[in-house]
Amino acid sequence: MNYTQPHWNSSAIMTIDTQNDFTLDGAPAQIAGTSAVLPNMARLLEVCRAQKLPVIHVIRLYKEDGSNVDLCRREAVERGARIAAPSTKGAELVREIRPAAYTALDADLLLKGDFQLVGSQEWVMYKPRWGAFYQTRLETFLRERGIDTLVFIGCNFPNCPRTSIYEASERDFRIVMIPDAMSQVYEKGLQEMSNIGVHISSSEEAISAIQAGGQR
């Protein structure tokens, strides 16, 4: 039995930190290479929506007083840096990956740990640190919906996607990583992901597999 092979028809797509302040060229915390992978992200999400697969957008929100910010960035925020501040344009998902029914993020709801519905099978959730499972209700949310495979795309592989992938592996989820729909990917990292059973797939390969897998 192959315990790591993706189950595409019981999968969810996880976008990580693909927000204006991290993604747009010239943004205050721009991650190089993120804007370049947006077309691949958008194509993959379009197919997932057509197949009625769940999509979960994982985001950061940094309160302007720095109280919920990682220690490595807290001083900068306390000194006035505004990065993904609640209820600002910079915290919103980039336009390219938004569903048609998207509305502005409800920062109060998200900071409480709730999931904000932004499409028929699409949610936004807030994570307080690098990993999407740390001090969140994500695992329960996924288990309740029969999701056993997570497909990761988004922003800055070395930090939040990588940490979230390890956390998912610790919880025995089947995992897919799409390097051409994720920024800051490097070869050694791909080898390390493969070593823990992560399925590495191009966006086109994932699209073909999702379409072949059928609707949920």
C-alpha atoms as a PDB file:
ATOM      1  CA  MET A   1       0.000   0.000   0.000  1.00  0.00           C
ATOM      2  CA  ASN A   2       1.306   3.448  -0.921  1.00  0.00           C
ATOM      3  CA  TYR A   3       0.684   5.629   2.124  1.00  0.00           C
ATOM      4  CA  THR A   4       1.951   8.855   0.559  1.00  0.00           C
ATOM      5  CA  GLN A   5       0.290   8.755  -2.887  1.00  0.00           C
ATOM      6  CA  PRO A   6      -2.083  11.747  -3.221  1.00  0.00           C
ATOM      7  CA  HIS A   7      -5.824  11.170  -3.093  1.00  0.00           C
ATOM      8  CA  TRP A   8      -6.805  13.986  -5.429  1.00  0.00           C
ATOM      9  CA  ASN A   9     -10.558  13.620  -4.960  1.00  0.00           C
ATOM     10  CA  SER A  10     -10.195  14.092  -1.185  1.00  0.00           C
ATOM     11  CA  SER A  11      -7.623  16.861  -1.364  1.00  0.00           C
ATOM     12  CA  ALA A  12      -7.621  20.542  -0.420  1.00  0.00           C
ATOM     13  CA  ILE A  13      -5.484  23.294  -1.923  1.00  0.00           C
ATOM     14  CA  MET A  14      -3.540  25.362   0.606  1.00  0.00           C
ATOM     15  CA  THR A  15      -2.314  28.787  -0.475  1.00  0.00           C
ATOM     16  CA  ILE A  16       0.219  30.266   1.921  1.00  0.00           C
ATOM     17  CA  ASP A  17       0.673  34.003   2.635  1.00  0.00           C
ATOM     18  CA  THR A  18      -0.174  35.159  -0.895  1.00  0.00           C
ATOM     19  CA  GLN A  19      -1.136  38.625   0.300  1.00  0.00           C
ATOM     20  CA  ASN A  20      -0.486  42.030  -1.203  1.00  0.00           C
ATOM     21  CA  ASP A  21       2.245  43.013   1.275  1.00  0.00           C
ATOM     22  CA  PHE A  22       4.266  39.856   0.570  1.00  0.00           C
ATOM     23  CA  THR A  23       3.537  39.433  -3.110  1.00  0.00           C
ATOM     24  CA  LEU A  24       3.177  42.671  -5.064  1.00  0.00           C
ATOM     25  CA  ASP A  25       6.303  44.148  -6.597  1.00  0.00           C
ATOM     26  CA  GLY A  26       7.498  47.001  -4.389  1.00  0.00           C
ATOM     27  CA  ALA A  27       5.386  45.879  -1.406  1.00  0.00           C
ATOM     28  CA  PRO A  28       6.809  46.518   2.085  1.00  0.00           C
ATOM     29  CA  ALA A  29       7.655  42.833   2.683  1.00  0.00           C
ATOM     30  CA  GLN A  30       7.913  41.656  -0.908  1.00  0.00           C
ATOM     31  CA  ILE A  31       9.144  38.093  -1.363  1.00  0.00           C
ATOM     32  CA  ALA A  32      11.039  37.917  -4.632  1.00  0.00           C
ATOM     33  CA  GLY A  33       9.592  35.530  -7.176  1.00  0.00           C
ATOM     34  CA  THR A  34       6.078  35.372  -5.758  1.00  0.00           C
ATOM     35  CA  SER A  35       4.440  37.566  -8.392  1.00  0.00           C
ATOM     36  CA  ALA A  36       6.069  35.409 -11.082  1.00  0.00           C
ATOM     37  CA  VAL A  37       4.258  32.247  -9.931  1.00  0.00           C
ATOM     38  CA  LEU A  38       0.814  33.861  -9.646  1.00  0.00           C
ATOM     39  CA  PRO A  39      -0.306  32.736 -13.137  1.00  0.00           C
ATOM     40  CA  ASN A  40       0.352  29.092 -12.235  1.00  0.00           C
ATOM     41  CA  MET A  41      -1.424  29.524  -8.921  1.00  0.00           C
ATOM     42  CA  ALA A  42      -4.403  31.113 -10.641  1.00  0.00           C
ATOM     43  CA  ARG A  43      -4.713  28.312 -13.217  1.00  0.00           C
ATOM     44  CA  LEU A  44      -4.539  25.639 -10.547  1.00  0.00           C
ATOM     45  CA  LEU A  45      -7.151  27.356  -8.405  1.00  0.00           C
ATOM     46  CA  GLU A  46      -9.486  27.772 -11.368  1.00  0.00           C
ATOM     47  CA  VAL A  47      -9.431  24.009 -11.959  1.00  0.00           C
ATOM     48  CA  CYS A  48      -9.894  23.250  -8.260  1.00  0.00           C
ATOM     49  CA  ARG A  49     -12.945  25.491  -8.122  1.00  0.00           C
ATOM     50  CA  ALA A  50     -14.408  23.840 -11.208  1.00  0.00           C
ATOM     51  CA  GLN A  51     -13.888  20.435  -9.582  1.00  0.00           C
ATOM     52  CA  LYS A  52     -15.389  21.708  -6.317  1.00  0.00           C
ATOM     53  CA  LEU A  53     -12.271  20.931  -4.299  1.00  0.00           C
ATOM     54  CA  PRO A  54     -11.812  22.861  -1.045  1.00  0.00           C
ATOM     55  CA  VAL A  55      -9.411  25.798  -1.099  1.00  0.00           C
ATOM     56  CA  ILE A  56      -7.921  27.219   2.097  1.00  0.00           C
ATOM     57  CA  HIS A  57      -6.003  30.492   1.997  1.00  0.00           C
ATOM     58  CA  VAL A  58      -3.650  30.704   4.978  1.00  0.00           C
ATOM     59  CA  ILE A  59      -2.607  34.249   5.890  1.00  0.00           C
ATOM     60  CA  ARG A  60      -0.679  36.341   8.396  1.00  0.00           C
ATOM     61  CA  LEU A  61      -2.017  39.400  10.201  1.00  0.00           C
ATOM     62  CA  TYR A  62       0.422  41.566  12.135  1.00  0.00           C
ATOM     63  CA  LYS A  63      -1.206  43.827  14.712  1.00  0.00           C
ATOM     64  CA  GLU A  64       0.287  47.309  14.601  1.00  0.00           C
ATOM     65  CA  ASP A  65       1.306  47.161  18.283  1.00  0.00           C
ATOM     66  CA  GLY A  66       3.411  44.074  17.494  1.00  0.00           C
ATOM     67  CA  SER A  67       1.687  41.940  20.120  1.00  0.00           C
ATOM     68  CA  ASN A  68       1.093  38.945  17.846  1.00  0.00           C
ATOM     69  CA  VAL A  69       4.218  39.259  15.687  1.00  0.00           C
ATOM     70  CA  ASP A  70       7.108  36.766  15.475  1.00  0.00           C
ATOM     71  CA  LEU A  71      10.052  37.810  17.614  1.00  0.00           C
ATOM     72  CA  CYS A  72      12.271  38.260  14.568  1.00  0.00           C
ATOM     73  CA  ARG A  73       9.922  40.935  13.175  1.00  0.00           C
ATOM     74  CA  ARG A  74       8.332  42.350  16.319  1.00  0.00           C
ATOM     75  CA  GLU A  75      10.749  45.230  16.831  1.00  0.00           C
ATOM     76  CA  ALA A  76      10.311  46.415  13.235  1.00  0.00           C
ATOM     77  CA  VAL A  77       6.525  46.440  13.612  1.00  0.00           C
ATOM     78  CA  GLU A  78       6.737  48.184  16.981  1.00  0.00           C
ATOM     79  CA  ARG A  79       8.874  50.850  15.296  1.00  0.00           C
ATOM     80  CA  GLY A  80       6.187  51.510  12.709  1.00  0.00           C
ATOM     81  CA  ALA A  81       6.563  48.940   9.925  1.00  0.00           C
ATOM     82  CA  ARG A  82       3.109  48.106   8.575  1.00  0.00           C
ATOM     83  CA  ILE A  83       3.081  44.563   7.230  1.00  0.00           C
ATOM     84  CA  ALA A  84      -0.191  42.725   6.607  1.00  0.00           C
ATOM     85  CA  ALA A  85      -1.852  44.909   9.229  1.00  0.00           C
ATOM     86  CA  PRO A  86      -5.461  43.918  10.010  1.00  0.00           C
ATOM     87  CA  SER A  87      -8.113  45.586   7.853  1.00  0.00           C
ATOM     88  CA  THR A  88      -5.604  47.074   5.393  1.00  0.00           C
ATOM     89  CA  LYS A  89      -5.206  46.546   1.667  1.00  0.00           C
ATOM     90  CA  GLY A  90      -1.797  45.000   2.266  1.00  0.00           C
ATOM     91  CA  ALA A  91      -3.327  42.117   4.236  1.00  0.00           C
ATOM     92  CA  GLU A  92      -5.777  41.150   1.487  1.00  0.00           C
ATOM     93  CA  LEU A  93      -5.231  38.203  -0.834  1.00  0.00           C
ATOM     94  CA  VAL A  94      -3.717  39.247  -4.144  1.00  0.00           C
ATOM     95  CA  ARG A  95      -6.343  39.784  -6.816  1.00  0.00           C
ATOM     96  CA  GLU A  96      -5.088  36.964  -9.050  1.00  0.00           C
ATOM     97  CA  ILE A  97      -6.042  34.203  -6.600  1.00  0.00           C
ATOM     98  CA  ARG A  98      -9.322  35.563  -5.240  1.00  0.00           C
ATOM     99  CA  PRO A  99     -12.577  33.706  -5.916  1.00  0.00           C
ATOM    100  CA  ALA A 100     -15.345  35.543  -7.740  1.00  0.00           C
ATOM    101  CA  ALA A 101     -17.350  36.033  -4.530  1.00  0.00           C
ATOM    102  CA  TYR A 102     -14.389  37.401  -2.547  1.00  0.00           C
ATOM    103  CA  THR A 103     -15.095  40.054   0.046  1.00  0.00           C
ATOM    104  CA  ALA A 104     -12.708  41.956   2.292  1.00  0.00           C
ATOM    105  CA  LEU A 105     -11.174  39.953   5.100  1.00  0.00           C
ATOM    106  CA  ASP A 106     -12.830  40.085   8.505  1.00  0.00           C
ATOM    107  CA  ALA A 107      -9.778  40.589  10.699  1.00  0.00           C
ATOM    108  CA  ASP A 108     -11.673  40.238  13.995  1.00  0.00           C
ATOM    109  CA  LEU A 109     -13.145  36.900  12.919  1.00  0.00           C
ATOM    110  CA  LEU A 110      -9.837  35.578  11.644  1.00  0.00           C
ATOM    111  CA  LEU A 111      -7.796  36.656  14.656  1.00  0.00           C
ATOM    112  CA  LYS A 112     -10.229  34.702  16.866  1.00  0.00           C
ATOM    113  CA  GLY A 113      -9.243  31.575  14.949  1.00  0.00           C
ATOM    114  CA  ASP A 114     -12.400  31.246  12.866  1.00  0.00           C
ATOM    115  CA  PHE A 115     -12.470  30.394   9.169  1.00  0.00           C
ATOM    116  CA  GLN A 116     -13.931  33.045   6.853  1.00  0.00           C
ATOM    117  CA  LEU A 117     -15.963  31.679   3.951  1.00  0.00           C
ATOM    118  CA  VAL A 118     -15.070  33.534   0.738  1.00  0.00           C
ATOM    119  CA  GLY A 119     -16.476  31.101  -1.841  1.00  0.00           C
ATOM    120  CA  SER A 120     -18.687  28.012  -2.046  1.00  0.00           C
ATOM    121  CA  GLN A 121     -15.794  25.732  -1.031  1.00  0.00           C
ATOM    122  CA  GLU A 122     -13.200  28.345  -0.133  1.00  0.00           C
ATOM    123  CA  TRP A 123     -12.012  29.766   3.166  1.00  0.00           C
ATOM    124  CA  VAL A 124      -9.403  32.091   4.641  1.00  0.00           C
ATOM    125  CA  MET A 125      -7.694  31.308   7.934  1.00  0.00           C
ATOM    126  CA  TYR A 126      -5.121  33.116  10.058  1.00  0.00           C
ATOM    127  CA  LYS A 127      -1.992  31.484  11.428  1.00  0.00           C
ATOM    128  CA  PRO A 128      -0.063  33.190  14.237  1.00  0.00           C
ATOM    129  CA  ARG A 129       3.341  31.747  13.318  1.00  0.00           C
ATOM    130  CA  TRP A 130       5.141  29.965  10.456  1.00  0.00           C
ATOM    131  CA  GLY A 131       3.120  26.760  10.407  1.00  0.00           C
ATOM    132  CA  ALA A 132      -0.535  26.575   9.429  1.00  0.00           C
ATOM    133  CA  PHE A 133      -1.308  24.045  12.182  1.00  0.00           C
ATOM    134  CA  TYR A 134       0.330  25.899  15.093  1.00  0.00           C
ATOM    135  CA  GLN A 135      -2.354  27.108  17.521  1.00  0.00           C
ATOM    136  CA  THR A 136      -5.073  26.857  14.843  1.00  0.00           C
ATOM    137  CA  ARG A 137      -8.122  24.656  14.261  1.00  0.00           C
ATOM    138  CA  LEU A 138      -6.904  23.518  10.872  1.00  0.00           C
ATOM    139  CA  GLU A 139      -6.519  19.806  11.598  1.00  0.00           C
ATOM    140  CA  THR A 140     -10.042  19.527  12.996  1.00  0.00           C
ATOM    141  CA  PHE A 141     -11.414  21.553  10.078  1.00  0.00           C
ATOM    142  CA  LEU A 142      -9.792  19.171   7.568  1.00  0.00           C
ATOM    143  CA  ARG A 143     -10.725  15.935   9.362  1.00  0.00           C
ATOM    144  CA  GLU A 144     -14.359  16.977   9.629  1.00  0.00           C
ATOM    145  CA  ARG A 145     -14.488  17.323   5.829  1.00  0.00           C
ATOM    146  CA  GLY A 146     -12.777  14.043   5.027  1.00  0.00           C
ATOM    147  CA  ILE A 147      -9.678  15.734   3.599  1.00  0.00           C
ATOM    148  CA  ASP A 148      -6.580  13.538   3.686  1.00  0.00           C
ATOM    149  CA  THR A 149      -4.367  15.190   1.021  1.00  0.00           C
ATOM    150  CA  LEU A 150      -2.997  18.734   1.092  1.00  0.00           C
ATOM    151  CA  VAL A 151      -1.664  20.545  -1.972  1.00  0.00           C
ATOM    152  CA  PHE A 152       0.659  23.422  -1.089  1.00  0.00           C
ATOM    153  CA  ILE A 153       1.234  26.550  -3.178  1.00  0.00           C
ATOM    154  CA  GLY A 154       2.077  30.152  -2.317  1.00  0.00           C
ATOM    155  CA  CYS A 155       4.695  32.323  -0.770  1.00  0.00           C
ATOM    156  CA  ASN A 156       8.226  31.747   0.456  1.00  0.00           C
ATOM    157  CA  PHE A 157       8.964  28.035   0.667  1.00  0.00           C
ATOM    158  CA  PRO A 158      11.802  28.219   3.267  1.00  0.00           C
ATOM    159  CA  ASN A 159       9.527  29.679   5.930  1.00  0.00           C
ATOM    160  CA  CYS A 160       5.774  29.142   6.107  1.00  0.00           C
ATOM    161  CA  PRO A 161       5.128  26.556   3.357  1.00  0.00           C
ATOM    162  CA  ARG A 162       8.020  24.385   4.524  1.00  0.00           C
ATOM    163  CA  THR A 163       6.948  24.542   8.168  1.00  0.00           C
ATOM    164  CA  SER A 164       3.322  23.843   7.268  1.00  0.00           C
ATOM    165  CA  ILE A 165       4.374  20.830   5.172  1.00  0.00           C
ATOM    166  CA  TYR A 166       6.328  19.346   8.079  1.00  0.00           C
ATOM    167  CA  GLU A 167       3.362  19.911  10.392  1.00  0.00           C
ATOM    168  CA  ALA A 168       1.044  18.211   7.885  1.00  0.00           C
ATOM    169  CA  SER A 169       3.449  15.276   7.627  1.00  0.00           C
ATOM    170  CA  GLU A 170       3.487  14.937  11.415  1.00  0.00           C
ATOM    171  CA  ARG A 171      -0.297  14.559  11.252  1.00  0.00           C
ATOM    172  CA  ASP A 172      -0.180  11.866   8.538  1.00  0.00           C
ATOM    173  CA  PHE A 173      -1.686  13.893   5.730  1.00  0.00           C
ATOM    174  CA  ARG A 174      -0.706  13.012   2.178  1.00  0.00           C
ATOM    175  CA  ILE A 175       1.139  16.014   0.767  1.00  0.00           C
ATOM    176  CA  VAL A 176       1.693  17.552  -2.647  1.00  0.00           C
ATOM    177  CA  MET A 177       4.044  20.473  -3.271  1.00  0.00           C
ATOM    178  CA  ILE A 178       3.844  22.488  -6.505  1.00  0.00           C
ATOM    179  CA  PRO A 179       7.269  24.139  -7.001  1.00  0.00           C
ATOM    180  CA  ASP A 180       6.244  26.236 -10.020  1.00  0.00           C
ATOM    181  CA  ALA A 181       3.383  27.715  -7.963  1.00  0.00           C
ATOM    182  CA  MET A 182       5.537  28.599  -4.947  1.00  0.00           C
ATOM    183  CA  SER A 183       8.246  31.206  -4.437  1.00  0.00           C
ATOM    184  CA  GLN A 184      11.806  30.750  -3.130  1.00  0.00           C
ATOM    185  CA  VAL A 185      12.000  27.013  -3.898  1.00  0.00           C
ATOM    186  CA  TYR A 186      15.488  25.487  -4.079  1.00  0.00           C
ATOM    187  CA  GLU A 187      16.783  22.069  -5.123  1.00  0.00           C
ATOM    188  CA  LYS A 188      17.990  20.877  -1.711  1.00  0.00           C
ATOM    189  CA  GLY A 189      14.599  21.725  -0.255  1.00  0.00           C
ATOM    190  CA  LEU A 190      12.841  19.626  -2.903  1.00  0.00           C
ATOM    191  CA  GLN A 191      15.091  16.686  -2.050  1.00  0.00           C
ATOM    192  CA  GLU A 192      14.293  17.088   1.645  1.00  0.00           C
ATOM    193  CA  MET A 193      10.562  17.204   0.934  1.00  0.00           C
ATOM    194  CA  SER A 194      10.792  14.054  -1.190  1.00  0.00           C
ATOM    195  CA  ASN A 195      12.634  12.341   1.666  1.00  0.00           C
ATOM    196  CA  ILE A 196       9.598  12.720   3.940  1.00  0.00           C
ATOM    197  CA  GLY A 197       7.151  11.452   1.323  1.00  0.00           C
ATOM    198  CA  VAL A 198       6.009  14.718  -0.231  1.00  0.00           C
ATOM    199  CA  HIS A 199       4.790  14.283  -3.813  1.00  0.00           C
ATOM    200  CA  ILE A 200       6.493  16.909  -6.007  1.00  0.00           C
ATOM    201  CA  SER A 201       4.340  17.921  -8.970  1.00  0.00           C
ATOM    202  CA  SER A 202       4.280  20.642 -11.615  1.00  0.00           C
ATOM    203  CA  SER A 203       1.143  22.751 -11.829  1.00  0.00           C
ATOM    204  CA  GLU A 204       0.227  21.129 -15.155  1.00  0.00           C
ATOM    205  CA  GLU A 205       0.641  17.640 -13.717  1.00  0.00           C
ATOM    206  CA  ALA A 206      -1.506  18.583 -10.735  1.00  0.00           C
ATOM    207  CA  ILE A 207      -4.184  20.071 -12.977  1.00  0.00           C
ATOM    208  CA  SER A 208      -4.333  16.870 -15.037  1.00  0.00           C
ATOM    209  CA  ALA A 209      -4.523  14.719 -11.891  1.00  0.00           C
ATOM    210  CA  ILE A 210      -7.269  16.875 -10.349  1.00  0.00           C
ATOM    211  CA  GLN A 211      -9.334  16.783 -13.529  1.00  0.00           C
ATOM    212  CA  ALA A 212      -8.907  13.017 -13.772  1.00  0.00           C
ATOM    213  CA  GLY A 213      -9.738  12.544 -10.094  1.00  0.00           C
ATOM    214  CA  GLY A 214     -13.274  13.843 -10.475  1.00  0.00           C
ATOM    215  CA  GLN A 215     -15.373  16.035  -8.227  1.00  0.00           C
ATOM    216  CA  ARG A 216     -15.765  15.558  -4.504  1.00  0.00           C
END
